[in-house]
Amino acid sequence: MKRNLVLATVAAAALIGGGTVAAYAGSGDDGASPRQSDVRVAGDRDDTQKDDDGDRRDSRDDDRDDDQGGRDDDRDDRDEARSQAGRTGVTAADAIAAALERTPGTAVSAELDDDGSRVWEVTVVKGDGTEHDVRVSAGDGKVLSDRRDDDDDREGRADLAALKGASVDAREAAEAAAAKGVVVEIDLDDDGSAVWKAETTKGEWNVGLKSGAVTPHHDDDRDDRDDD
């Protein structure tokens, strides 16, 4: 009887203070050695919940750090390309013209490599949808290589469909965007209403497929947009 009373008293104290309490209770008057009982209460569950919440916060912080790191890498790549643009004698429009002379078709993009090689990479789509990656020297405009892309040609056909009825091609779009800085990339953006998307040393711009009008490009991710 006394043992039960002691255990009940200890359990009540544990509930008030939280945590784990070790209770010792004798057997009463029979002189038997005491036994130890652990009383685990809500305090232990609270500690476990706090640990779980901390782990979730750490995971979210890691994800945000990874996203920020990816944006920083992209921004560094663009900065490098823009730095090279001032040292090239061949414009995006020149590179597109050289690529089309070697590989007739429809140019859908041109990008200045950001690895220091001073090379334009121009993507040309043939009438059947096959894509060719044409590399053009940014120093003298010579075609360095022409490689057929072995990937599925559905993307190429989709680009041709998006450009159907357009009056402004990639070369003309690059020339129009040059009014907003040295062009380091021109690409067909067919997410929604198709436009030419140009990146220059002064920002990112849209060039209309029919009007050729140059307007600021607005990204969904504000953090990934450079200042004009």
C-alpha atoms as a PDB file:
ATOM      1  CA  MET A   1       0.000   0.000   0.000  1.00  0.00           C
ATOM      2  CA  LYS A   2       2.794   2.381   0.927  1.00  0.00           C
ATOM      3  CA  ARG A   3       4.645   1.494  -2.283  1.00  0.00           C
ATOM      4  CA  ASN A   4       1.662   2.329  -4.461  1.00  0.00           C
ATOM      5  CA  LEU A   5       1.227   5.634  -2.654  1.00  0.00           C
ATOM      6  CA  VAL A   6       4.877   6.563  -3.240  1.00  0.00           C
ATOM      7  CA  LEU A   7       4.724   5.661  -6.945  1.00  0.00           C
ATOM      8  CA  ALA A   8       1.567   7.700  -7.407  1.00  0.00           C
ATOM      9  CA  THR A   9       3.187  10.702  -5.728  1.00  0.00           C
ATOM     10  CA  VAL A  10       6.322  10.456  -7.870  1.00  0.00           C
ATOM     11  CA  ALA A  11       4.306  10.104 -11.070  1.00  0.00           C
ATOM     12  CA  ALA A  12       2.350  13.223 -10.225  1.00  0.00           C
ATOM     13  CA  ALA A  13       5.579  15.145  -9.623  1.00  0.00           C
ATOM     14  CA  ALA A  14       6.909  13.945 -12.968  1.00  0.00           C
ATOM     15  CA  LEU A  15       3.832  15.114 -14.786  1.00  0.00           C
ATOM     16  CA  ILE A  16       4.309  18.586 -13.326  1.00  0.00           C
ATOM     17  CA  GLY A  17       8.062  18.820 -13.956  1.00  0.00           C
ATOM     18  CA  GLY A  18       8.301  16.761 -17.170  1.00  0.00           C
ATOM     19  CA  GLY A  19      11.004  14.250 -18.035  1.00  0.00           C
ATOM     20  CA  THR A  20      11.814  10.852 -16.604  1.00  0.00           C
ATOM     21  CA  VAL A  21      11.791  10.248 -12.885  1.00  0.00           C
ATOM     22  CA  ALA A  22      13.249   7.206 -11.186  1.00  0.00           C
ATOM     23  CA  ALA A  23      11.103   6.121  -8.254  1.00  0.00           C
ATOM     24  CA  TYR A  24      12.340   3.810  -5.554  1.00  0.00           C
ATOM     25  CA  ALA A  25       9.796   1.989  -3.421  1.00  0.00           C
ATOM     26  CA  GLY A  26      10.333  -0.458  -0.652  1.00  0.00           C
ATOM     27  CA  SER A  27       8.132  -3.420  -0.013  1.00  0.00           C
ATOM     28  CA  GLY A  28       6.939  -2.023   3.269  1.00  0.00           C
ATOM     29  CA  ASP A  29       7.731  -3.768   6.517  1.00  0.00           C
ATOM     30  CA  ASP A  30       9.048  -7.038   5.041  1.00  0.00           C
ATOM     31  CA  GLY A  31      12.576  -5.616   4.568  1.00  0.00           C
ATOM     32  CA  ALA A  32      12.853  -6.582   0.890  1.00  0.00           C
ATOM     33  CA  SER A  33      15.303  -4.635  -1.229  1.00  0.00           C
ATOM     34  CA  PRO A  34      13.834  -1.635  -3.049  1.00  0.00           C
ATOM     35  CA  ARG A  35      12.967  -1.769  -6.753  1.00  0.00           C
ATOM     36  CA  GLN A  36      13.480   0.981  -9.353  1.00  0.00           C
ATOM     37  CA  SER A  37      10.655   2.049 -11.680  1.00  0.00           C
ATOM     38  CA  ASP A  38      10.943   4.532 -14.542  1.00  0.00           C
ATOM     39  CA  VAL A  39       8.049   6.909 -15.017  1.00  0.00           C
ATOM     40  CA  ARG A  40       8.180   8.396 -18.525  1.00  0.00           C
ATOM     41  CA  VAL A  41       5.895  11.330 -19.135  1.00  0.00           C
ATOM     42  CA  ALA A  42       4.974  13.972 -21.653  1.00  0.00           C
ATOM     43  CA  GLY A  43       8.316  15.767 -21.313  1.00  0.00           C
ATOM     44  CA  ASP A  44      10.040  12.981 -23.240  1.00  0.00           C
ATOM     45  CA  ARG A  45       7.505  13.220 -26.057  1.00  0.00           C
ATOM     46  CA  ASP A  46       8.000  16.996 -26.191  1.00  0.00           C
ATOM     47  CA  ASP A  47      11.771  16.534 -26.567  1.00  0.00           C
ATOM     48  CA  THR A  48      11.243  14.064 -29.432  1.00  0.00           C
ATOM     49  CA  GLN A  49       8.863  16.464 -31.184  1.00  0.00           C
ATOM     50  CA  LYS A  50      11.393  19.287 -30.839  1.00  0.00           C
ATOM     51  CA  ASP A  51      14.084  17.092 -32.385  1.00  0.00           C
ATOM     52  CA  ASP A  52      11.800  16.247 -35.325  1.00  0.00           C
ATOM     53  CA  ASP A  53      10.907  19.907 -35.847  1.00  0.00           C
ATOM     54  CA  GLY A  54      14.600  20.818 -35.787  1.00  0.00           C
ATOM     55  CA  ASP A  55      15.393  18.161 -38.398  1.00  0.00           C
ATOM     56  CA  ARG A  56      12.650  19.472 -40.688  1.00  0.00           C
ATOM     57  CA  ARG A  57      13.929  23.042 -40.344  1.00  0.00           C
ATOM     58  CA  ASP A  58      17.471  21.906 -41.144  1.00  0.00           C
ATOM     59  CA  SER A  59      16.196  20.075 -44.247  1.00  0.00           C
ATOM     60  CA  ARG A  60      14.323  23.181 -45.466  1.00  0.00           C
ATOM     61  CA  ASP A  61      17.395  25.332 -44.860  1.00  0.00           C
ATOM     62  CA  ASP A  62      19.538  22.898 -46.884  1.00  0.00           C
ATOM     63  CA  ASP A  63      17.033  22.995 -49.774  1.00  0.00           C
ATOM     64  CA  ARG A  64      17.052  26.799 -49.762  1.00  0.00           C
ATOM     65  CA  ASP A  65      20.854  26.816 -49.735  1.00  0.00           C
ATOM     66  CA  ASP A  66      20.928  24.438 -52.722  1.00  0.00           C
ATOM     67  CA  ASP A  67      18.466  26.604 -54.671  1.00  0.00           C
ATOM     68  CA  GLN A  68      20.450  29.737 -53.896  1.00  0.00           C
ATOM     69  CA  GLY A  69      23.662  27.994 -54.892  1.00  0.00           C
ATOM     70  CA  GLY A  70      22.140  27.000 -58.239  1.00  0.00           C
ATOM     71  CA  ARG A  71      21.030  30.574 -58.894  1.00  0.00           C
ATOM     72  CA  ASP A  72      24.473  31.874 -57.978  1.00  0.00           C
ATOM     73  CA  ASP A  73      26.105  29.402 -60.393  1.00  0.00           C
ATOM     74  CA  ASP A  74      23.771  30.472 -63.219  1.00  0.00           C
ATOM     75  CA  ARG A  75      24.512  34.119 -62.501  1.00  0.00           C
ATOM     76  CA  ASP A  76      28.260  33.429 -62.521  1.00  0.00           C
ATOM     77  CA  ASP A  77      27.939  31.693 -65.899  1.00  0.00           C
ATOM     78  CA  ARG A  78      26.071  34.659 -67.343  1.00  0.00           C
ATOM     79  CA  ASP A  79      28.615  37.086 -65.956  1.00  0.00           C
ATOM     80  CA  GLU A  80      31.437  35.084 -67.535  1.00  0.00           C
ATOM     81  CA  ALA A  81      29.705  35.035 -70.912  1.00  0.00           C
ATOM     82  CA  ARG A  82      29.095  38.762 -70.721  1.00  0.00           C
ATOM     83  CA  SER A  83      32.743  39.321 -69.870  1.00  0.00           C
ATOM     84  CA  GLN A  84      33.776  37.365 -72.960  1.00  0.00           C
ATOM     85  CA  ALA A  85      31.309  39.202 -75.177  1.00  0.00           C
ATOM     86  CA  GLY A  86      33.425  42.326 -75.088  1.00  0.00           C
ATOM     87  CA  ARG A  87      36.429  40.386 -76.384  1.00  0.00           C
ATOM     88  CA  THR A  88      34.788  38.729 -79.383  1.00  0.00           C
ATOM     89  CA  GLY A  89      34.761  40.085 -82.910  1.00  0.00           C
ATOM     90  CA  VAL A  90      31.855  37.908 -84.055  1.00  0.00           C
ATOM     91  CA  THR A  91      28.329  38.809 -82.980  1.00  0.00           C
ATOM     92  CA  ALA A  92      25.473  36.412 -82.366  1.00  0.00           C
ATOM     93  CA  ALA A  93      23.963  37.443 -85.706  1.00  0.00           C
ATOM     94  CA  ASP A  94      27.303  36.761 -87.453  1.00  0.00           C
ATOM     95  CA  ALA A  95      27.562  33.328 -85.831  1.00  0.00           C
ATOM     96  CA  ILE A  96      24.027  32.412 -86.888  1.00  0.00           C
ATOM     97  CA  ALA A  97      24.715  33.468 -90.472  1.00  0.00           C
ATOM     98  CA  ALA A  98      27.916  31.363 -90.561  1.00  0.00           C
ATOM     99  CA  ALA A  99      26.132  28.339 -89.093  1.00  0.00           C
ATOM    100  CA  LEU A 100      23.299  28.549 -91.624  1.00  0.00           C
ATOM    101  CA  GLU A 101      25.756  28.855 -94.476  1.00  0.00           C
ATOM    102  CA  ARG A 102      27.315  25.547 -93.411  1.00  0.00           C
ATOM    103  CA  THR A 103      24.062  23.851 -92.358  1.00  0.00           C
ATOM    104  CA  PRO A 104      20.943  25.240 -94.057  1.00  0.00           C
ATOM    105  CA  GLY A 105      17.829  25.151 -91.901  1.00  0.00           C
ATOM    106  CA  THR A 106      16.227  27.236 -89.166  1.00  0.00           C
ATOM    107  CA  ALA A 107      18.365  28.599 -86.357  1.00  0.00           C
ATOM    108  CA  VAL A 108      16.553  28.404 -83.026  1.00  0.00           C
ATOM    109  CA  SER A 109      19.333  29.443 -80.640  1.00  0.00           C
ATOM    110  CA  ALA A 110      22.843  30.818 -80.391  1.00  0.00           C
ATOM    111  CA  GLU A 111      24.861  30.975 -77.197  1.00  0.00           C
ATOM    112  CA  LEU A 112      28.349  32.196 -76.392  1.00  0.00           C
ATOM    113  CA  ASP A 113      30.167  29.540 -74.369  1.00  0.00           C
ATOM    114  CA  ASP A 114      30.998  30.622 -70.838  1.00  0.00           C
ATOM    115  CA  ASP A 115      33.971  28.274 -70.450  1.00  0.00           C
ATOM    116  CA  GLY A 116      36.533  30.647 -71.946  1.00  0.00           C
ATOM    117  CA  SER A 117      36.685  28.863 -75.314  1.00  0.00           C
ATOM    118  CA  ARG A 118      35.295  31.885 -77.208  1.00  0.00           C
ATOM    119  CA  VAL A 119      32.933  29.755 -79.251  1.00  0.00           C
ATOM    120  CA  TRP A 120      29.355  30.304 -80.344  1.00  0.00           C
ATOM    121  CA  GLU A 121      27.062  27.273 -80.185  1.00  0.00           C
ATOM    122  CA  VAL A 122      24.266  27.569 -82.727  1.00  0.00           C
ATOM    123  CA  THR A 123      21.344  25.133 -82.907  1.00  0.00           C
ATOM    124  CA  VAL A 124      19.953  24.617 -86.402  1.00  0.00           C
ATOM    125  CA  VAL A 125      16.795  22.597 -87.073  1.00  0.00           C
ATOM    126  CA  LYS A 126      16.396  20.893 -90.435  1.00  0.00           C
ATOM    127  CA  GLY A 127      13.041  20.575 -92.179  1.00  0.00           C
ATOM    128  CA  ASP A 128      12.495  17.073 -90.786  1.00  0.00           C
ATOM    129  CA  GLY A 129      13.000  18.248 -87.195  1.00  0.00           C
ATOM    130  CA  THR A 130      16.543  16.955 -86.737  1.00  0.00           C
ATOM    131  CA  GLU A 131      18.826  19.302 -84.819  1.00  0.00           C
ATOM    132  CA  HIS A 132      22.440  20.194 -85.565  1.00  0.00           C
ATOM    133  CA  ASP A 133      24.822  21.752 -83.072  1.00  0.00           C
ATOM    134  CA  VAL A 134      27.116  24.056 -85.010  1.00  0.00           C
ATOM    135  CA  ARG A 135      30.154  25.560 -83.266  1.00  0.00           C
ATOM    136  CA  VAL A 136      31.432  28.853 -84.619  1.00  0.00           C
ATOM    137  CA  SER A 137      34.619  30.627 -83.565  1.00  0.00           C
ATOM    138  CA  ALA A 138      33.838  33.885 -81.800  1.00  0.00           C
ATOM    139  CA  GLY A 139      37.211  35.187 -82.964  1.00  0.00           C
ATOM    140  CA  ASP A 140      37.060  34.817 -86.736  1.00  0.00           C
ATOM    141  CA  GLY A 141      33.610  33.402 -87.522  1.00  0.00           C
ATOM    142  CA  LYS A 142      34.856  30.088 -88.917  1.00  0.00           C
ATOM    143  CA  VAL A 143      32.720  27.000 -88.417  1.00  0.00           C
ATOM    144  CA  LEU A 144      34.604  24.627 -86.147  1.00  0.00           C
ATOM    145  CA  SER A 145      32.229  21.659 -86.129  1.00  0.00           C
ATOM    146  CA  ASP A 146      28.761  20.509 -87.126  1.00  0.00           C
ATOM    147  CA  ARG A 147      27.257  17.637 -85.154  1.00  0.00           C
ATOM    148  CA  ARG A 148      23.822  16.133 -85.570  1.00  0.00           C
ATOM    149  CA  ASP A 149      21.949  15.790 -82.296  1.00  0.00           C
ATOM    150  CA  ASP A 150      20.848  12.181 -81.842  1.00  0.00           C
ATOM    151  CA  ASP A 151      18.042  13.063 -79.429  1.00  0.00           C
ATOM    152  CA  ASP A 152      14.390  12.691 -80.349  1.00  0.00           C
ATOM    153  CA  ASP A 153      13.476  15.183 -83.091  1.00  0.00           C
ATOM    154  CA  ARG A 154      10.121  16.069 -81.528  1.00  0.00           C
ATOM    155  CA  GLU A 155      11.609  19.163 -79.907  1.00  0.00           C
ATOM    156  CA  GLY A 156      12.924  20.333 -83.245  1.00  0.00           C
ATOM    157  CA  ARG A 157       9.534  19.882 -84.868  1.00  0.00           C
ATOM    158  CA  ALA A 158       7.904  21.762 -81.993  1.00  0.00           C
ATOM    159  CA  ASP A 159      10.299  24.671 -82.568  1.00  0.00           C
ATOM    160  CA  LEU A 160       9.451  24.747 -86.260  1.00  0.00           C
ATOM    161  CA  ALA A 161       5.739  24.741 -85.425  1.00  0.00           C
ATOM    162  CA  ALA A 162       6.199  27.626 -82.978  1.00  0.00           C
ATOM    163  CA  LEU A 163       7.992  29.641 -85.657  1.00  0.00           C
ATOM    164  CA  LYS A 164       5.353  29.032 -88.308  1.00  0.00           C
ATOM    165  CA  GLY A 165       4.171  32.410 -89.576  1.00  0.00           C
ATOM    166  CA  ALA A 166       7.021  34.297 -87.891  1.00  0.00           C
ATOM    167  CA  SER A 167       8.570  37.145 -89.857  1.00  0.00           C
ATOM    168  CA  VAL A 168      11.603  37.624 -87.576  1.00  0.00           C
ATOM    169  CA  ASP A 169      14.254  34.897 -87.556  1.00  0.00           C
ATOM    170  CA  ALA A 170      16.968  34.295 -84.961  1.00  0.00           C
ATOM    171  CA  ARG A 171      19.566  36.421 -86.764  1.00  0.00           C
ATOM    172  CA  GLU A 172      17.194  39.369 -87.101  1.00  0.00           C
ATOM    173  CA  ALA A 173      16.144  38.992 -83.452  1.00  0.00           C
ATOM    174  CA  ALA A 174      19.800  39.092 -82.396  1.00  0.00           C
ATOM    175  CA  GLU A 175      20.360  42.234 -84.428  1.00  0.00           C
ATOM    176  CA  ALA A 176      17.304  43.890 -82.857  1.00  0.00           C
ATOM    177  CA  ALA A 177      18.366  42.927 -79.322  1.00  0.00           C
ATOM    178  CA  ALA A 178      21.854  44.332 -79.940  1.00  0.00           C
ATOM    179  CA  ALA A 179      20.335  47.774 -79.370  1.00  0.00           C
ATOM    180  CA  LYS A 180      20.084  46.728 -75.695  1.00  0.00           C
ATOM    181  CA  GLY A 181      23.685  45.605 -75.274  1.00  0.00           C
ATOM    182  CA  VAL A 182      26.031  42.964 -76.657  1.00  0.00           C
ATOM    183  CA  VAL A 183      24.030  39.778 -77.238  1.00  0.00           C
ATOM    184  CA  VAL A 184      25.461  36.676 -75.542  1.00  0.00           C
ATOM    185  CA  GLU A 185      22.477  34.401 -76.146  1.00  0.00           C
ATOM    186  CA  ILE A 186      19.381  34.265 -78.319  1.00  0.00           C
ATOM    187  CA  ASP A 187      16.855  31.479 -77.881  1.00  0.00           C
ATOM    188  CA  LEU A 188      13.309  30.592 -78.904  1.00  0.00           C
ATOM    189  CA  ASP A 189      11.088  30.777 -75.819  1.00  0.00           C
ATOM    190  CA  ASP A 190       7.886  28.885 -76.579  1.00  0.00           C
ATOM    191  CA  ASP A 191       6.494  28.692 -73.048  1.00  0.00           C
ATOM    192  CA  GLY A 192       3.175  30.379 -73.658  1.00  0.00           C
ATOM    193  CA  SER A 193       3.195  32.894 -76.508  1.00  0.00           C
ATOM    194  CA  ALA A 194       6.394  32.209 -78.457  1.00  0.00           C
ATOM    195  CA  VAL A 195       9.011  34.965 -78.542  1.00  0.00           C
ATOM    196  CA  TRP A 196      12.724  35.263 -79.045  1.00  0.00           C
ATOM    197  CA  LYS A 197      14.470  35.612 -75.714  1.00  0.00           C
ATOM    198  CA  ALA A 198      17.735  37.525 -75.834  1.00  0.00           C
ATOM    199  CA  GLU A 199      20.332  37.932 -73.132  1.00  0.00           C
ATOM    200  CA  THR A 200      22.625  40.907 -73.459  1.00  0.00           C
ATOM    201  CA  THR A 201      25.260  42.606 -71.357  1.00  0.00           C
ATOM    202  CA  LYS A 202      22.504  44.873 -70.068  1.00  0.00           C
ATOM    203  CA  GLY A 203      19.769  42.372 -69.217  1.00  0.00           C
ATOM    204  CA  GLU A 204      17.219  40.015 -70.740  1.00  0.00           C
ATOM    205  CA  TRP A 205      14.769  40.934 -73.478  1.00  0.00           C
ATOM    206  CA  ASN A 206      11.932  39.555 -75.557  1.00  0.00           C
ATOM    207  CA  VAL A 207      11.858  40.090 -79.305  1.00  0.00           C
ATOM    208  CA  GLY A 208       8.505  39.653 -81.043  1.00  0.00           C
ATOM    209  CA  LEU A 209       8.333  36.969 -83.734  1.00  0.00           C
ATOM    210  CA  LYS A 210       6.295  39.187 -86.042  1.00  0.00           C
ATOM    211  CA  SER A 211       6.916  42.776 -84.959  1.00  0.00           C
ATOM    212  CA  GLY A 212      10.561  42.491 -83.917  1.00  0.00           C
ATOM    213  CA  ALA A 213       9.753  44.768 -80.978  1.00  0.00           C
ATOM    214  CA  VAL A 214      12.200  44.522 -78.067  1.00  0.00           C
ATOM    215  CA  THR A 215      10.679  44.520 -74.586  1.00  0.00           C
ATOM    216  CA  PRO A 216      12.054  43.617 -71.148  1.00  0.00           C
ATOM    217  CA  HIS A 217      11.884  39.943 -70.255  1.00  0.00           C
ATOM    218  CA  HIS A 218      10.252  39.178 -66.907  1.00  0.00           C
ATOM    219  CA  ASP A 219      11.201  35.904 -65.253  1.00  0.00           C
ATOM    220  CA  ASP A 220       8.869  34.117 -62.849  1.00  0.00           C
ATOM    221  CA  ASP A 221      11.779  33.958 -60.378  1.00  0.00           C
ATOM    222  CA  ARG A 222      12.650  37.536 -59.452  1.00  0.00           C
ATOM    223  CA  ASP A 223      15.829  36.482 -57.704  1.00  0.00           C
ATOM    224  CA  ASP A 224      17.142  35.014 -60.968  1.00  0.00           C
ATOM    225  CA  ARG A 225      16.673  38.199 -62.984  1.00  0.00           C
ATOM    226  CA  ASP A 226      19.617  40.550 -63.416  1.00  0.00           C
ATOM    227  CA  ASP A 227      19.192  44.285 -63.109  1.00  0.00           C
ATOM    228  CA  ASP A 228      18.993  46.175 -66.364  1.00  0.00           C
END
